[in-house]
């Protein structure tokens, strides 16, 4: 449905676990459409940029910013992770905040990482693609 060239700006960092799941999917989507181009920008080297695209007041990554390739008008944003993963992350943050025992807190964090990885494995990038398409209005 895309009829005009877009530039997809991906704000990311190499250490980000969600980026490891999301950025390759964004890349494959861009590679499959001649009207798309992609640029990776490191968040920690571009603080002014990420400040324009905060998620709930935080510099969460990866963050996709879809731009009109000619005017650079922002057409939409998405990120940092699929909605279902965000539910897991939010619930885990609340749980961990209530745990006072440091080893128990660390164990819950590791368990949550496994839950998130399991979700990504099971979903096989379907939610990422669907959410990206919805975010840019296609």
C-alpha atoms as a PDB file:
ATOM      1  CA  UNK A   1       0.000   0.000   0.000  1.00  0.00           C
ATOM      2  CA  UNK A   2       3.026   2.299   0.287  1.00  0.00           C
ATOM      3  CA  UNK A   3       3.065   4.873  -2.501  1.00  0.00           C
ATOM      4  CA  UNK A   4       5.831   7.269  -1.413  1.00  0.00           C
ATOM      5  CA  UNK A   5       9.425   6.643  -0.361  1.00  0.00           C
ATOM      6  CA  UNK A   6      10.032   6.427   3.375  1.00  0.00           C
ATOM      7  CA  UNK A   7      13.167   6.534   5.459  1.00  0.00           C
ATOM      8  CA  UNK A   8      13.078   4.335   8.543  1.00  0.00           C
ATOM      9  CA  UNK A   9      15.317   5.652  11.278  1.00  0.00           C
ATOM     10  CA  UNK A  10      16.070   3.041  13.941  1.00  0.00           C
ATOM     11  CA  UNK A  11      17.416   4.355  17.237  1.00  0.00           C
ATOM     12  CA  UNK A  12      19.181   1.463  18.914  1.00  0.00           C
ATOM     13  CA  UNK A  13      22.256   0.132  20.723  1.00  0.00           C
ATOM     14  CA  UNK A  14      24.116  -3.149  20.161  1.00  0.00           C
ATOM     15  CA  UNK A  15      23.689  -4.273  23.782  1.00  0.00           C
ATOM     16  CA  UNK A  16      19.877  -4.088  23.709  1.00  0.00           C
ATOM     17  CA  UNK A  17      18.135  -7.471  23.871  1.00  0.00           C
ATOM     18  CA  UNK A  18      14.923  -6.221  22.264  1.00  0.00           C
ATOM     19  CA  UNK A  19      16.973  -4.682  19.449  1.00  0.00           C
ATOM     20  CA  UNK A  20      18.442  -8.096  18.741  1.00  0.00           C
ATOM     21  CA  UNK A  21      14.902  -9.369  18.122  1.00  0.00           C
ATOM     22  CA  UNK A  22      13.385  -6.321  16.426  1.00  0.00           C
ATOM     23  CA  UNK A  23      16.064  -4.717  14.236  1.00  0.00           C
ATOM     24  CA  UNK A  24      16.547  -7.740  11.932  1.00  0.00           C
ATOM     25  CA  UNK A  25      12.791  -7.792  11.264  1.00  0.00           C
ATOM     26  CA  UNK A  26      12.805  -4.088  10.438  1.00  0.00           C
ATOM     27  CA  UNK A  27      15.777  -4.688   8.147  1.00  0.00           C
ATOM     28  CA  UNK A  28      13.989  -7.520   6.303  1.00  0.00           C
ATOM     29  CA  UNK A  29      10.890  -5.355   5.852  1.00  0.00           C
ATOM     30  CA  UNK A  30      13.013  -2.520   4.416  1.00  0.00           C
ATOM     31  CA  UNK A  31      14.940  -4.905   2.163  1.00  0.00           C
ATOM     32  CA  UNK A  32      11.682  -6.219   0.697  1.00  0.00           C
ATOM     33  CA  UNK A  33      10.380  -2.810  -0.428  1.00  0.00           C
ATOM     34  CA  UNK A  34      12.142  -0.496  -2.891  1.00  0.00           C
ATOM     35  CA  UNK A  35      10.343   2.515  -1.389  1.00  0.00           C
ATOM     36  CA  UNK A  36      12.038   2.023   1.984  1.00  0.00           C
ATOM     37  CA  UNK A  37      15.485   2.917   3.234  1.00  0.00           C
ATOM     38  CA  UNK A  38      16.864   2.429   6.720  1.00  0.00           C
ATOM     39  CA  UNK A  39      19.407   4.155   8.912  1.00  0.00           C
ATOM     40  CA  UNK A  40      20.637   2.931  12.294  1.00  0.00           C
ATOM     41  CA  UNK A  41      21.440   5.587  14.881  1.00  0.00           C
ATOM     42  CA  UNK A  42      23.028   4.861  18.247  1.00  0.00           C
ATOM     43  CA  UNK A  43      20.935   6.253  21.066  1.00  0.00           C
ATOM     44  CA  UNK A  44      23.808   7.040  23.427  1.00  0.00           C
ATOM     45  CA  UNK A  45      25.563   9.131  20.765  1.00  0.00           C
ATOM     46  CA  UNK A  46      22.362  10.984  19.815  1.00  0.00           C
ATOM     47  CA  UNK A  47      20.707  12.082  23.047  1.00  0.00           C
ATOM     48  CA  UNK A  48      18.910  15.024  21.431  1.00  0.00           C
ATOM     49  CA  UNK A  49      17.284  12.689  18.900  1.00  0.00           C
ATOM     50  CA  UNK A  50      16.008  10.105  21.386  1.00  0.00           C
ATOM     51  CA  UNK A  51      14.645  12.923  23.568  1.00  0.00           C
ATOM     52  CA  UNK A  52      12.216  13.688  20.737  1.00  0.00           C
ATOM     53  CA  UNK A  53      10.898  10.113  20.767  1.00  0.00           C
ATOM     54  CA  UNK A  54      10.601   9.082  24.407  1.00  0.00           C
ATOM     55  CA  UNK A  55       8.457   6.140  25.456  1.00  0.00           C
ATOM     56  CA  UNK A  56       6.594   6.909  28.675  1.00  0.00           C
ATOM     57  CA  UNK A  57       9.297   9.440  29.520  1.00  0.00           C
ATOM     58  CA  UNK A  58      12.178   7.014  28.969  1.00  0.00           C
ATOM     59  CA  UNK A  59      14.837   6.596  26.280  1.00  0.00           C
ATOM     60  CA  UNK A  60      13.649   3.079  25.464  1.00  0.00           C
ATOM     61  CA  UNK A  61      15.073   1.318  22.417  1.00  0.00           C
ATOM     62  CA  UNK A  62      14.835   0.177  19.752  1.00  0.00           C
ATOM     63  CA  UNK A  63      12.688   2.996  18.485  1.00  0.00           C
ATOM     64  CA  UNK A  64      11.575   3.135  14.867  1.00  0.00           C
ATOM     65  CA  UNK A  65      10.841   6.563  13.425  1.00  0.00           C
ATOM     66  CA  UNK A  66       9.180   6.458   9.993  1.00  0.00           C
ATOM     67  CA  UNK A  67       9.877   9.547   7.904  1.00  0.00           C
ATOM     68  CA  UNK A  68       8.715  10.811   4.538  1.00  0.00           C
ATOM     69  CA  UNK A  69      11.923  10.389   2.526  1.00  0.00           C
ATOM     70  CA  UNK A  70      11.566  13.763   0.819  1.00  0.00           C
ATOM     71  CA  UNK A  71      10.253  16.067   3.564  1.00  0.00           C
ATOM     72  CA  UNK A  72      11.517  14.113   6.609  1.00  0.00           C
ATOM     73  CA  UNK A  73       8.071  14.580   8.168  1.00  0.00           C
ATOM     74  CA  UNK A  74       7.457  12.012  10.903  1.00  0.00           C
ATOM     75  CA  UNK A  75       4.816   9.585   9.652  1.00  0.00           C
ATOM     76  CA  UNK A  76       4.788   7.363  12.712  1.00  0.00           C
ATOM     77  CA  UNK A  77       6.842   5.711  15.404  1.00  0.00           C
ATOM     78  CA  UNK A  78       7.007   2.288  16.990  1.00  0.00           C
ATOM     79  CA  UNK A  79       8.921   0.692  19.798  1.00  0.00           C
ATOM     80  CA  UNK A  80      10.623  -0.368  21.855  1.00  0.00           C
ATOM     81  CA  UNK A  81       9.013  -3.815  21.804  1.00  0.00           C
ATOM     82  CA  UNK A  82       5.776  -5.588  20.877  1.00  0.00           C
ATOM     83  CA  UNK A  83       2.818  -4.839  23.151  1.00  0.00           C
ATOM     84  CA  UNK A  84       2.691  -8.392  24.512  1.00  0.00           C
ATOM     85  CA  UNK A  85       6.346  -8.198  25.565  1.00  0.00           C
ATOM     86  CA  UNK A  86       5.731  -4.801  27.152  1.00  0.00           C
ATOM     87  CA  UNK A  87       3.076  -6.401  29.363  1.00  0.00           C
ATOM     88  CA  UNK A  88       5.666  -8.925  30.592  1.00  0.00           C
ATOM     89  CA  UNK A  89       8.248  -6.189  31.170  1.00  0.00           C
ATOM     90  CA  UNK A  90       5.838  -3.930  33.066  1.00  0.00           C
ATOM     91  CA  UNK A  91       4.601  -6.756  35.305  1.00  0.00           C
ATOM     92  CA  UNK A  92       8.151  -7.867  36.024  1.00  0.00           C
ATOM     93  CA  UNK A  93       9.239  -4.354  36.987  1.00  0.00           C
ATOM     94  CA  UNK A  94       6.422  -4.197  39.551  1.00  0.00           C
ATOM     95  CA  UNK A  95       7.275  -7.627  40.936  1.00  0.00           C
ATOM     96  CA  UNK A  96      10.999  -6.921  41.177  1.00  0.00           C
ATOM     97  CA  UNK A  97      10.384  -3.606  42.932  1.00  0.00           C
ATOM     98  CA  UNK A  98       8.566  -5.487  45.693  1.00  0.00           C
ATOM     99  CA  UNK A  99      11.328  -8.095  46.208  1.00  0.00           C
ATOM    100  CA  UNK A 100      13.810  -7.060  48.896  1.00  0.00           C
ATOM    101  CA  UNK A 101      16.066 -10.132  48.733  1.00  0.00           C
ATOM    102  CA  UNK A 102      18.780  -9.429  46.138  1.00  0.00           C
ATOM    103  CA  UNK A 103      19.261 -13.066  44.967  1.00  0.00           C
ATOM    104  CA  UNK A 104      15.482 -13.492  44.645  1.00  0.00           C
ATOM    105  CA  UNK A 105      15.264 -10.233  42.699  1.00  0.00           C
ATOM    106  CA  UNK A 106      18.007 -11.384  40.324  1.00  0.00           C
ATOM    107  CA  UNK A 107      16.349 -14.798  39.891  1.00  0.00           C
ATOM    108  CA  UNK A 108      13.037 -13.123  38.964  1.00  0.00           C
ATOM    109  CA  UNK A 109      14.827 -10.899  36.470  1.00  0.00           C
ATOM    110  CA  UNK A 110      16.449 -13.922  34.791  1.00  0.00           C
ATOM    111  CA  UNK A 111      13.092 -15.715  34.731  1.00  0.00           C
ATOM    112  CA  UNK A 112      11.520 -12.684  33.045  1.00  0.00           C
ATOM    113  CA  UNK A 113      14.266 -12.634  30.418  1.00  0.00           C
ATOM    114  CA  UNK A 114      13.478 -16.275  29.669  1.00  0.00           C
ATOM    115  CA  UNK A 115       9.761 -15.458  29.416  1.00  0.00           C
ATOM    116  CA  UNK A 116      10.472 -12.660  26.961  1.00  0.00           C
ATOM    117  CA  UNK A 117      12.776 -14.855  24.860  1.00  0.00           C
ATOM    118  CA  UNK A 118      10.152 -17.594  24.863  1.00  0.00           C
ATOM    119  CA  UNK A 119       7.543 -15.128  23.658  1.00  0.00           C
ATOM    120  CA  UNK A 120       9.786 -13.944  20.811  1.00  0.00           C
ATOM    121  CA  UNK A 121      10.547 -17.564  19.848  1.00  0.00           C
ATOM    122  CA  UNK A 122       6.875 -18.515  19.762  1.00  0.00           C
ATOM    123  CA  UNK A 123       5.662 -15.392  17.942  1.00  0.00           C
ATOM    124  CA  UNK A 124       8.244 -15.686  15.145  1.00  0.00           C
ATOM    125  CA  UNK A 125       8.143 -11.915  14.462  1.00  0.00           C
ATOM    126  CA  UNK A 126       4.469 -11.825  13.447  1.00  0.00           C
ATOM    127  CA  UNK A 127       3.456  -9.254  16.100  1.00  0.00           C
ATOM    128  CA  UNK A 128       6.420  -7.017  15.269  1.00  0.00           C
ATOM    129  CA  UNK A 129       5.423  -6.901  11.607  1.00  0.00           C
ATOM    130  CA  UNK A 130       1.737  -6.344  12.355  1.00  0.00           C
ATOM    131  CA  UNK A 131       2.455  -3.573  14.860  1.00  0.00           C
ATOM    132  CA  UNK A 132       4.909  -1.835  12.515  1.00  0.00           C
ATOM    133  CA  UNK A 133       2.400  -1.874   9.669  1.00  0.00           C
ATOM    134  CA  UNK A 134      -0.295  -0.449  11.949  1.00  0.00           C
ATOM    135  CA  UNK A 135       2.052   2.202  13.371  1.00  0.00           C
ATOM    136  CA  UNK A 136       2.763   3.687   9.959  1.00  0.00           C
ATOM    137  CA  UNK A 137      -0.822   3.451   8.745  1.00  0.00           C
ATOM    138  CA  UNK A 138      -0.458   0.856   6.011  1.00  0.00           C
END
